[in-house]
Amino acid sequence: MLSRYVEAFEQFDIDALVALFHEEGRMSMPPFTMWVLGKDDLFKFFSLTRWHCEGSRFLPVTVNGGYPAFAQYVPSSEESYLVPWGIHVIEIKDKKVYHVQNFINTKLFSRFGLPEQLHR
């Protein structure tokens, strides 16, 4: 499930990505007061954010004693690098993605010992 999430997101295949979500699937983005609920709204959200997220890469991390998570790097203005964006913490229910908390805080990357940038 998690490898399919990474593959769908990195290819930014919105149909494949949304298909991985539970019917009650949701996404939040602390520190923003944002809550996306349901597959229709997730599809709309990913469609609207394509410009920012397309070309992203993930590195796996573990948070809070064992939750699977991924550090998201997004394309920078310098075309040869990707820069930190957020940490996706993924909660699974019934073998589907139930909730993704995408913590938008680049300071978290150093706490996990993650690189400051990735080469494309």
Foldseek 3Di string as FASTA:
>chain_A
DVVQCQVCQQQVVLVSNLVQADQQAWEAEPPDPDIAGGSVSSSVVSVVCCVWRHNKHWDWDAPDVGFTKTFIWTADPPRFKTATAWIWGFDDDPSGTRYTYTYGDSVVCVVRVHDGIDTD
